[in-house]
């Protein structure tokens, strides 16, 4: 009997975890999108600054 109870507890935990995961993705995807945009902005800003520096120094940028 204890093995069956343990199994049922695990199934219950699994279903609770699954139910809690249904709430999380919206918040996570918004946070991910925000951090992704920050990373893209930072990379493009660094690229732009490098191009400006190369133009200022009259170097070729390809």
Protein backbone atom coordinates (compact mmCIF):
# COMPACT_ATOMS: atom_id res chain seq x y z
CA UNK A 1 0.00 0.00 0.00
CA UNK A 2 2.74 2.58 0.79
CA UNK A 3 4.18 2.15 -2.72
CA UNK A 4 0.80 2.94 -4.25
CA UNK A 5 0.43 6.01 -2.03
CA UNK A 6 3.90 7.21 -3.00
CA UNK A 7 3.02 6.76 -6.65
CA UNK A 8 -0.22 8.73 -6.22
CA UNK A 9 1.66 11.51 -4.42
CA UNK A 10 4.16 11.68 -7.29
CA UNK A 11 1.32 11.82 -9.83
CA UNK A 12 -0.32 14.58 -7.79
CA UNK A 13 2.96 16.54 -7.63
CA UNK A 14 3.37 16.10 -11.38
CA UNK A 15 -0.11 17.44 -12.09
CA UNK A 16 0.41 20.38 -9.75
CA UNK A 17 3.71 21.17 -11.43
CA UNK A 18 2.08 20.96 -14.84
CA UNK A 19 -0.72 23.29 -13.71
CA UNK A 20 1.77 25.79 -12.30
CA UNK A 21 3.79 25.72 -15.53
CA UNK A 22 0.77 26.83 -17.53
CA UNK A 23 0.85 30.18 -15.71
CA UNK A 24 4.58 30.86 -16.00
CA UNK A 25 5.32 30.98 -19.78
CA UNK A 26 3.54 34.32 -20.38
CA UNK A 27 5.62 36.12 -17.76
CA UNK A 28 8.77 34.25 -18.78
CA UNK A 29 8.36 35.02 -22.46
CA UNK A 30 7.80 38.71 -21.72
CA UNK A 31 10.92 38.80 -19.56
CA UNK A 32 12.84 36.88 -22.21
CA UNK A 33 11.67 39.21 -24.98
CA UNK A 34 12.69 42.22 -22.91
CA UNK A 35 16.18 40.86 -22.17
CA UNK A 36 16.55 39.72 -25.78
CA UNK A 37 15.76 43.23 -27.02
CA UNK A 38 18.30 44.70 -24.60
CA UNK A 39 20.97 42.30 -25.88
CA UNK A 40 20.15 43.08 -29.53
CA UNK A 41 20.17 46.82 -28.81
CA UNK A 42 23.51 46.60 -27.00
CA UNK A 43 25.12 44.60 -29.82
CA UNK A 44 23.80 46.95 -32.51
CA UNK A 45 24.91 49.99 -30.49
CA UNK A 46 28.41 48.54 -30.14
CA UNK A 47 28.49 47.82 -33.88
CA UNK A 48 27.37 51.37 -34.65
CA UNK A 49 30.01 52.83 -32.31
CA UNK A 50 32.69 50.69 -33.97
CA UNK A 51 31.62 51.90 -37.41
CA UNK A 52 31.68 55.53 -36.25
CA UNK A 53 35.16 55.05 -34.79
CA UNK A 54 36.40 53.47 -38.01
CA UNK A 55 34.93 56.32 -40.07
CA UNK A 56 36.53 58.85 -37.74
CA UNK A 57 39.89 57.11 -38.13
CA UNK A 58 39.33 56.62 -41.89
CA UNK A 59 39.58 52.84 -41.67
CA UNK A 60 37.76 50.47 -43.98
CA UNK A 61 34.73 48.77 -42.43
CA UNK A 62 33.83 46.21 -45.16
